[in-house]
Amino acid sequence: MYDLIIVGAGPAGATAALYAHRLGLKSLLLDKAVFPRDKTCGDALSGKTVKVLRELSLIKEVEELDGSHINRITFGSPSHSQFDIKLDSGINAKHITKGYVIPRKIFDNFLFQKAKDICDNRQGFKVREILFDGKQINGIRGVDLDGNEESFYAPIVMGCDGPNSIVARKLALYEMDMKNTGIAIRCYYEGVKGLTDQIELHYVNEVKPGYFWLFPAGSDRANIGLGLSKHDAKKEDRTLPEILMQITKSKYFRDRFANARPLERPIGWNLPLGSIKRKNYGNGYMLLGDAAGLVDPFTGEGIGNAMVAAKYATMIAQKAIRSGNFSSEVFQEYDYLLWEELGGELGTSTKLQKLARSSFLLNFVIDRAQRNYDVQEIISGMLSNQDARGALSNPMFYFKILFS
């Protein structure tokens, strides 16, 4: 009998196991994969991720992993004007001073090994059913790599198992919302020019509305890819790999890819966007990370939000264990804490995503930001600072852009 069963051992699940151990909870960590395993992603670790890693006393070890240290975020417009947000200066210096890009095969395995040291775990285990005692969850049933069926018991189940979460499906919570689900593809390259200490997000005409990313990923690797809403992708007569190839061969980027070669075929995946609020809790369960639909609508970042969710979920799990109350009313506090932390940011990113549908507005805003430090600070603040997240609803934001 465990205090909680964590389904999925990616960043959300492994982080939940680490926080649970700190709180004295006995957890079981399950994953259908065997680590190390790849995970299709942009691989960027945001300021929220860094903050959680510091809380868990892991940041020094993460800095030694094979990847890249990031000090700047570059935003590019459809007309190819661009500006940089420096992480160690201005408004960001109070919140985000450094980021990282570490391939998920490396980062996720690092977190899993840390969690493996402090909790029971099963790799290669596929959850098939959620078990109930009346209306109350009391465990899971699944099969191991050899097809042997096993059941494990706990009054709390955490669904940390990604956008196609089996936990969400079995609890009848899964719904593919085309307008609020993104689709992205990733491809590792080597030999791309101009990679230093920056991650780049380019809102180019070839993938409108959407964005092209270009991240250094260590060892002369680049993680490149593109993302757009599933609704818009369905309208395309080009495949996403074809669009990606068009961008790398376009006039603006072809010199940077002149001597580059792909290390794999482009790989795609779904991104359940935080542009809507999905149900993430109930009697005896909580959903975390992609399973809860917490991907940033503007940047596509999800690791940091998943790790923040893990922190709050374990706090509420401890309360439930201490009180012996595993009802929906108890786990409602998880939803409140999570959206109190992330709701403003996700709301701003949703507005920015809508702005990104207009090439004219993107060109206008990024051109102004390129020339005006105040506009840079406002945009930077919206991405990192609670006080600045209302800027898109503030007429002064547009006044400063118009008259800068």
Protein backbone atom coordinates (compact mmCIF):
# COMPACT_ATOMS: atom_id res chain seq x y z
CA MET A 1 0.00 0.00 0.00
CA TYR A 2 1.42 3.35 -1.09
CA ASP A 3 0.45 6.91 -0.24
CA LEU A 4 0.37 7.75 -3.93
CA ILE A 5 0.94 6.15 -7.30
CA ILE A 6 2.55 8.35 -9.96
CA VAL A 7 1.81 7.28 -13.53
CA GLY A 8 4.49 8.65 -15.86
CA ALA A 9 8.12 9.28 -14.89
CA GLY A 10 8.90 12.30 -17.05
CA PRO A 11 9.62 15.72 -15.46
CA ALA A 12 6.16 15.95 -13.82
CA GLY A 13 6.25 12.43 -12.39
CA ALA A 14 9.90 12.33 -11.32
CA THR A 15 9.58 15.77 -9.71
CA ALA A 16 6.43 14.65 -7.88
CA ALA A 17 8.32 11.64 -6.53
CA LEU A 18 11.18 13.85 -5.31
CA TYR A 19 8.84 16.31 -3.57
CA ALA A 20 6.78 13.44 -2.12
CA HIS A 21 9.92 11.96 -0.58
CA ARG A 22 10.72 15.32 1.02
CA LEU A 23 7.24 15.37 2.53
CA GLY A 24 7.55 11.86 3.92
CA LEU A 25 5.14 10.23 1.46
CA LYS A 26 5.63 6.70 0.15
CA SER A 27 5.22 6.77 -3.63
CA LEU A 28 5.34 4.31 -6.51
CA LEU A 29 6.61 5.72 -9.82
CA LEU A 30 5.51 3.92 -13.01
CA ASP A 31 6.38 4.42 -16.67
CA LYS A 32 5.65 2.40 -19.79
CA ALA A 33 9.12 3.23 -21.17
CA VAL A 34 12.53 2.04 -20.02
CA PHE A 35 14.98 4.87 -19.28
CA PRO A 36 16.90 6.45 -20.86
CA ARG A 37 14.31 7.17 -23.53
CA ASP A 38 13.84 10.04 -25.96
CA LYS A 39 10.99 12.53 -25.63
CA THR A 40 10.10 14.77 -28.54
CA CYS A 41 10.45 18.35 -27.31
CA GLY A 42 12.25 21.64 -27.83
CA ASP A 43 14.43 20.69 -24.81
CA ALA A 44 14.49 24.21 -23.31
CA LEU A 45 14.48 24.49 -19.51
CA SER A 46 12.77 27.72 -18.45
CA GLY A 47 13.19 29.89 -15.40
CA LYS A 48 10.43 27.97 -13.60
CA THR A 49 12.31 24.73 -14.24
CA VAL A 50 15.53 26.23 -12.88
CA LYS A 51 13.71 27.46 -9.77
CA VAL A 52 12.34 23.99 -9.01
CA LEU A 53 15.73 22.39 -9.65
CA ARG A 54 17.26 24.80 -7.15
CA GLU A 55 14.61 23.93 -4.57
CA LEU A 56 15.47 20.25 -5.06
CA SER A 57 19.23 20.99 -4.81
CA LEU A 58 19.81 19.62 -8.32
CA ILE A 59 20.88 22.67 -10.31
CA LYS A 60 24.64 22.16 -9.95
CA GLU A 61 24.39 18.65 -11.35
CA VAL A 62 22.10 19.82 -14.18
CA GLU A 63 24.70 22.41 -15.18
CA GLU A 64 27.13 19.55 -15.84
CA LEU A 65 24.79 17.67 -18.19
CA ASP A 66 25.49 17.68 -21.93
CA GLY A 67 23.58 20.65 -23.32
CA SER A 68 23.77 24.43 -23.69
CA HIS A 69 23.59 27.31 -21.23
CA ILE A 70 21.17 30.04 -22.34
CA ASN A 71 21.47 33.76 -21.58
CA ARG A 72 19.20 35.24 -24.27
CA ILE A 73 15.86 34.70 -25.97
CA THR A 74 15.68 35.97 -29.56
CA PHE A 75 12.31 36.81 -31.10
CA GLY A 76 12.07 37.18 -34.87
CA SER A 77 9.21 38.68 -36.90
CA PRO A 78 7.81 37.66 -40.32
CA SER A 79 9.86 40.50 -41.85
CA HIS A 80 12.93 39.14 -39.99
CA SER A 81 13.48 42.03 -37.65
CA GLN A 82 14.39 40.66 -34.24
CA PHE A 83 15.22 41.60 -30.68
CA ASP A 84 16.82 39.86 -27.73
CA ILE A 85 15.65 39.46 -24.17
CA LYS A 86 18.68 39.10 -21.92
CA LEU A 87 18.00 36.87 -18.96
CA ASP A 88 20.54 38.44 -16.62
CA SER A 89 19.52 42.09 -17.00
CA GLY A 90 16.53 44.38 -16.63
CA ILE A 91 13.27 43.03 -15.29
CA ASN A 92 14.29 39.42 -15.92
CA ALA A 93 17.26 39.59 -13.55
CA LYS A 94 14.82 39.35 -10.63
CA HIS A 95 13.24 36.18 -11.99
CA ILE A 96 15.24 34.33 -14.66
CA THR A 97 19.01 34.67 -14.82
CA LYS A 98 19.93 31.60 -16.86
CA GLY A 99 18.26 28.86 -18.85
CA TYR A 100 19.39 25.59 -20.39
CA VAL A 101 18.73 23.41 -23.41
CA ILE A 102 19.34 19.76 -22.55
CA PRO A 103 18.06 16.91 -24.75
CA ARG A 104 15.19 15.18 -23.00
CA LYS A 105 16.85 11.78 -23.30
CA ILE A 106 19.54 13.16 -20.99
CA PHE A 107 17.47 15.46 -18.74
CA ASP A 108 14.55 13.09 -18.16
CA ASN A 109 16.89 10.21 -17.39
CA PHE A 110 18.77 12.40 -14.90
CA LEU A 111 15.54 13.24 -13.06
CA PHE A 112 14.32 9.65 -13.21
CA GLN A 113 17.56 8.31 -11.72
CA LYS A 114 17.25 10.81 -8.87
CA ALA A 115 13.67 9.70 -8.23
CA LYS A 116 14.62 6.02 -8.60
CA ASP A 117 17.02 6.40 -5.67
CA ILE A 118 14.28 7.45 -3.25
CA CYS A 119 11.07 5.66 -4.26
CA ASP A 120 9.75 2.35 -5.53
CA ASN A 121 9.51 2.33 -9.31
CA ARG A 122 8.62 0.14 -12.26
CA GLN A 123 9.86 0.78 -15.78
CA GLY A 124 8.25 -0.87 -18.79
CA PHE A 125 4.92 -1.02 -16.97
CA LYS A 126 1.74 -0.11 -18.84
CA VAL A 127 -1.23 1.00 -16.77
CA ARG A 128 -4.45 -0.51 -18.12
CA GLU A 129 -7.07 0.27 -15.47
CA ILE A 130 -7.81 2.60 -12.58
CA LEU A 131 -9.09 0.65 -9.56
CA PHE A 132 -11.96 1.83 -7.37
CA ASP A 133 -13.44 1.04 -4.00
CA GLY A 134 -16.95 2.30 -4.61
CA LYS A 135 -16.47 5.80 -6.01
CA GLN A 136 -13.03 6.20 -4.44
CA ILE A 137 -9.84 5.45 -6.37
CA ASN A 138 -7.68 2.90 -4.61
CA GLY A 139 -5.01 1.90 -7.14
CA ILE A 140 -4.13 0.83 -10.68
CA ARG A 141 -3.78 -2.37 -12.68
CA GLY A 142 -1.35 -2.92 -15.55
CA VAL A 143 1.13 -5.23 -17.26
CA ASP A 144 4.92 -5.44 -17.27
CA LEU A 145 7.21 -6.03 -20.25
CA ASP A 146 6.55 -9.77 -20.12
CA GLY A 147 2.79 -9.30 -20.13
CA ASN A 148 2.36 -10.19 -16.46
CA GLU A 149 -0.57 -8.41 -14.85
CA GLU A 150 -0.08 -6.64 -11.52
CA SER A 151 -2.11 -4.34 -9.29
CA PHE A 152 -0.82 -1.66 -6.93
CA TYR A 153 -2.81 0.19 -4.31
CA ALA A 154 -2.91 3.78 -3.06
CA PRO A 155 -5.64 6.31 -2.23
CA ILE A 156 -4.11 8.88 -4.62
CA VAL A 157 -3.19 8.51 -8.29
CA MET A 158 -1.28 11.24 -10.13
CA GLY A 159 -1.60 11.27 -13.91
CA CYS A 160 1.76 12.50 -15.24
CA ASP A 161 1.60 10.50 -18.44
CA GLY A 162 1.50 13.10 -21.18
CA PRO A 163 -1.01 14.42 -23.71
CA ASN A 164 -2.57 10.99 -24.35
CA SER A 165 -2.76 10.21 -20.62
CA ILE A 166 -4.22 6.79 -19.84
CA VAL A 167 -5.25 8.15 -16.44
CA ALA A 168 -7.24 10.96 -18.09
CA ARG A 169 -8.76 8.50 -20.57
CA LYS A 170 -9.85 6.01 -17.95
CA LEU A 171 -11.41 8.81 -15.90
CA ALA A 172 -13.28 10.06 -19.01
CA LEU A 173 -11.41 13.39 -18.93
CA TYR A 174 -9.53 13.16 -22.22
CA GLU A 175 -10.78 15.33 -25.06
CA MET A 176 -8.92 16.38 -28.19
CA ASP A 177 -9.79 20.08 -28.58
CA MET A 178 -8.41 20.98 -32.00
CA LYS A 179 -8.35 24.73 -31.40
CA ASN A 180 -6.55 24.35 -28.08
CA THR A 181 -4.12 21.62 -29.07
CA GLY A 182 -0.87 22.39 -30.83
CA ILE A 183 1.18 20.11 -33.01
CA ALA A 184 4.93 20.36 -33.33
CA ILE A 185 7.83 18.57 -34.99
CA ARG A 186 11.43 18.39 -33.87
CA CYS A 187 14.63 17.48 -35.69
CA TYR A 188 18.20 17.45 -34.36
CA TYR A 189 20.81 18.93 -36.69
CA GLU A 190 24.55 19.34 -36.55
CA GLY A 191 26.62 22.06 -38.21
CA VAL A 192 24.07 24.90 -37.94
CA LYS A 193 25.79 28.29 -37.94
CA GLY A 194 25.28 31.07 -35.40
CA LEU A 195 24.54 29.00 -32.30
CA THR A 196 25.80 30.68 -29.15
CA ASP A 197 23.97 31.33 -25.88
CA GLN A 198 20.50 32.07 -27.30
CA ILE A 199 17.28 30.24 -28.01
CA GLU A 200 15.40 31.62 -31.02
CA LEU A 201 11.68 31.82 -31.75
CA HIS A 202 10.92 33.04 -35.27
CA TYR A 203 7.36 33.87 -36.33
CA VAL A 204 7.93 33.34 -40.05
CA ASN A 205 5.52 33.48 -42.97
CA GLU A 206 6.22 29.87 -43.91
CA VAL A 207 4.42 28.65 -40.78
CA LYS A 208 1.70 31.21 -40.12
CA PRO A 209 0.18 31.21 -37.58
CA GLY A 210 2.93 29.43 -35.70
CA TYR A 211 6.64 29.64 -35.05
CA PHE A 212 9.99 28.12 -35.97
CA TRP A 213 12.46 27.44 -33.17
CA LEU A 214 16.21 27.10 -33.29
CA PHE A 215 17.93 26.04 -30.05
CA PRO A 216 21.55 25.06 -29.38
CA ALA A 217 21.55 21.65 -27.67
CA GLY A 218 25.24 21.01 -26.92
CA SER A 219 27.94 19.06 -28.80
CA ASP A 220 27.37 21.04 -32.04
CA ARG A 221 23.74 19.93 -32.04
CA ALA A 222 20.79 22.16 -32.79
CA ASN A 223 17.21 21.34 -31.85
CA ILE A 224 15.05 22.86 -34.57
CA GLY A 225 11.34 22.57 -35.11
CA LEU A 226 8.04 24.30 -35.64
CA GLY A 227 4.72 24.46 -33.90
CA LEU A 228 1.19 25.59 -34.73
CA SER A 229 -2.33 24.74 -33.69
CA LYS A 230 -3.73 21.39 -34.80
CA HIS A 231 -6.73 23.25 -36.21
CA ASP A 232 -4.47 25.32 -38.51
CA ALA A 233 -2.26 22.36 -39.39
CA LYS A 234 -5.30 20.52 -40.76
CA LYS A 235 -5.81 23.35 -43.27
CA GLU A 236 -2.28 22.98 -44.69
CA ASP A 237 -1.67 21.25 -48.01
CA ARG A 238 1.96 20.80 -46.95
CA THR A 239 3.24 18.35 -44.37
CA LEU A 240 5.05 19.78 -41.36
CA PRO A 241 8.40 18.26 -42.47
CA GLU A 242 7.91 19.97 -45.85
CA ILE A 243 7.32 23.31 -44.10
CA LEU A 244 10.41 22.79 -41.94
CA MET A 245 12.50 22.09 -45.04
CA GLN A 246 11.14 25.24 -46.73
CA ILE A 247 12.22 27.33 -43.74
CA THR A 248 15.76 25.93 -43.63
CA LYS A 249 16.12 26.58 -47.36
CA SER A 250 14.53 30.05 -47.26
CA LYS A 251 16.57 33.13 -48.14
CA TYR A 252 16.86 34.20 -44.50
CA PHE A 253 17.99 30.85 -43.03
CA ARG A 254 19.70 28.97 -45.86
CA ASP A 255 23.18 30.30 -45.09
CA ARG A 256 22.93 29.05 -41.50
CA PHE A 257 21.99 25.58 -42.78
CA ALA A 258 24.43 25.51 -45.72
CA ASN A 259 26.73 22.96 -44.03
CA ALA A 260 24.19 21.46 -41.66
CA ARG A 261 22.80 17.95 -41.76
CA PRO A 262 19.85 16.38 -39.96
CA LEU A 263 20.62 13.67 -37.41
CA GLU A 264 17.13 12.13 -37.60
CA ARG A 265 13.82 12.34 -39.37
CA PRO A 266 11.50 15.04 -37.99
CA ILE A 267 9.34 13.66 -35.17
CA GLY A 268 5.91 15.08 -34.27
CA TRP A 269 3.78 15.24 -31.14
CA ASN A 270 0.68 16.93 -29.71
CA LEU A 271 0.75 19.89 -27.32
CA PRO A 272 -2.35 20.32 -25.11
CA LEU A 273 -2.28 24.10 -24.70
CA GLY A 274 -3.06 26.03 -21.54
CA SER A 275 -5.27 28.42 -23.51
CA ILE A 276 -8.24 26.73 -21.83
CA LYS A 277 -8.59 25.34 -18.33
CA ARG A 278 -9.12 21.59 -18.25
CA LYS A 279 -10.40 19.51 -15.34
CA ASN A 280 -7.36 18.23 -13.45
CA TYR A 281 -8.61 16.74 -10.18
CA GLY A 282 -11.33 14.64 -8.59
CA ASN A 283 -11.87 11.99 -5.93
CA GLY A 284 -8.41 10.54 -5.35
CA TYR A 285 -6.63 11.88 -8.40
CA MET A 286 -4.75 14.85 -9.88
CA LEU A 287 -3.45 15.42 -13.41
CA LEU A 288 -0.08 17.11 -13.94
CA GLY A 289 1.90 18.53 -16.86
CA ASP A 290 0.76 17.71 -20.39
CA ALA A 291 -1.93 15.41 -18.98
CA ALA A 292 -3.47 18.54 -17.44
CA GLY A 293 -2.99 20.66 -20.59
CA LEU A 294 -0.39 23.09 -19.22
CA VAL A 295 1.69 23.83 -22.33
CA ASP A 296 2.39 27.54 -22.87
CA PRO A 297 0.33 28.63 -25.94
CA PHE A 298 2.93 31.19 -27.11
CA THR A 299 6.28 29.46 -26.57
CA GLY A 300 5.26 25.80 -26.40
CA GLU A 301 7.15 25.36 -23.11
CA GLY A 302 5.75 22.74 -20.77
CA ILE A 303 8.52 21.33 -18.57
CA GLY A 304 8.51 24.16 -16.03
CA ASN A 305 4.72 24.14 -15.72
CA ALA A 306 4.78 20.37 -15.20
CA MET A 307 7.34 20.66 -12.41
CA VAL A 308 5.39 23.47 -10.70
CA ALA A 309 2.31 21.25 -10.86
CA ALA A 310 4.29 18.45 -9.18
CA LYS A 311 5.21 20.72 -6.28
CA TYR A 312 1.61 21.71 -5.58
CA ALA A 313 0.19 18.24 -6.17
CA THR A 314 2.45 16.67 -3.56
CA MET A 315 1.61 19.42 -1.06
CA ILE A 316 -2.09 18.62 -1.42
CA ALA A 317 -1.40 14.87 -1.38
CA GLN A 318 0.27 15.29 2.01
CA LYS A 319 -2.79 17.19 3.30
CA ALA A 320 -5.09 14.45 2.07
CA ILE A 321 -2.99 11.69 3.65
CA ARG A 322 -2.85 13.50 7.00
CA SER A 323 -6.60 14.12 7.07
CA GLY A 324 -7.60 10.78 5.57
CA ASN A 325 -9.87 12.69 3.21
CA PHE A 326 -9.42 11.93 -0.50
CA SER A 327 -12.51 13.65 -1.83
CA SER A 328 -12.68 16.03 -4.76
CA GLU A 329 -13.08 18.95 -2.33
CA VAL A 330 -9.59 18.35 -0.93
CA PHE A 331 -7.90 18.14 -4.33
CA GLN A 332 -9.65 21.28 -5.52
CA GLU A 333 -6.97 23.23 -3.66
CA TYR A 334 -4.39 21.80 -6.09
CA ASP A 335 -6.28 23.34 -8.99
CA TYR A 336 -6.52 26.68 -7.15
CA LEU A 337 -2.80 26.84 -6.29
CA LEU A 338 -1.77 25.74 -9.77
CA TRP A 339 -3.81 28.34 -11.62
CA GLU A 340 -2.99 31.05 -9.11
CA GLU A 341 0.65 30.45 -10.06
CA LEU A 342 0.29 29.83 -13.80
CA GLY A 343 -3.05 31.34 -14.80
CA GLY A 344 -1.83 34.89 -15.41
CA GLU A 345 1.10 33.73 -17.49
CA LEU A 346 -0.97 31.30 -19.55
CA GLY A 347 -3.60 34.00 -20.10
CA THR A 348 -0.98 36.43 -21.39
CA SER A 349 0.54 33.75 -23.63
CA THR A 350 -2.90 33.03 -25.06
CA LYS A 351 -3.26 36.71 -25.97
CA LEU A 352 0.22 36.73 -27.48
CA GLN A 353 -0.66 33.61 -29.48
CA LYS A 354 -3.68 35.44 -30.93
CA LEU A 355 -1.51 38.46 -31.72
CA ALA A 356 0.89 36.11 -33.53
CA ARG A 357 -1.83 35.29 -36.07
CA SER A 358 -1.30 38.72 -37.62
CA SER A 359 1.96 39.27 -39.52
CA PHE A 360 1.29 43.01 -39.50
CA LEU A 361 1.02 43.16 -35.70
CA LEU A 362 4.02 40.90 -35.17
CA ASN A 363 6.16 42.98 -37.51
CA PHE A 364 4.95 46.15 -35.83
CA VAL A 365 5.57 45.01 -32.24
CA ILE A 366 8.92 43.30 -32.86
CA ASP A 367 10.17 46.22 -34.95
CA ARG A 368 9.35 48.58 -32.07
CA ALA A 369 10.92 46.25 -29.53
CA GLN A 370 14.07 46.09 -31.64
CA ARG A 371 14.46 49.86 -31.30
CA ASN A 372 12.99 50.59 -27.89
CA TYR A 373 14.20 49.21 -24.55
CA ASP A 374 10.91 50.06 -22.77
CA VAL A 375 8.93 47.87 -25.16
CA GLN A 376 11.45 45.07 -24.67
CA GLU A 377 10.98 45.36 -20.92
CA ILE A 378 7.20 45.15 -21.22
CA ILE A 379 7.34 42.02 -23.37
CA SER A 380 10.05 40.53 -21.18
CA GLY A 381 8.00 41.27 -18.09
CA MET A 382 4.90 39.61 -19.52
CA LEU A 383 6.89 36.40 -19.88
CA SER A 384 8.45 36.44 -16.42
CA ASN A 385 6.86 38.90 -14.03
CA GLN A 386 3.42 38.71 -12.43
CA ASP A 387 3.04 42.48 -12.26
CA ALA A 388 3.52 42.91 -16.01
CA ARG A 389 1.13 40.22 -17.20
CA GLY A 390 -1.80 42.60 -17.52
CA ALA A 391 0.07 44.66 -20.09
CA LEU A 392 -1.93 43.40 -23.05
CA SER A 393 -5.08 44.77 -21.41
CA ASN A 394 -3.43 48.09 -20.57
CA PRO A 395 -3.79 50.91 -23.13
CA MET A 396 -0.33 52.21 -22.13
CA PHE A 397 1.21 49.07 -23.64
CA TYR A 398 -0.10 50.03 -27.07
CA PHE A 399 0.68 53.72 -26.49
CA LYS A 400 4.34 52.94 -25.83
CA ILE A 401 4.53 50.71 -28.92
CA LEU A 402 2.78 53.25 -31.16
CA PHE A 403 4.84 56.23 -30.11
CA SER A 404 8.24 54.64 -29.37
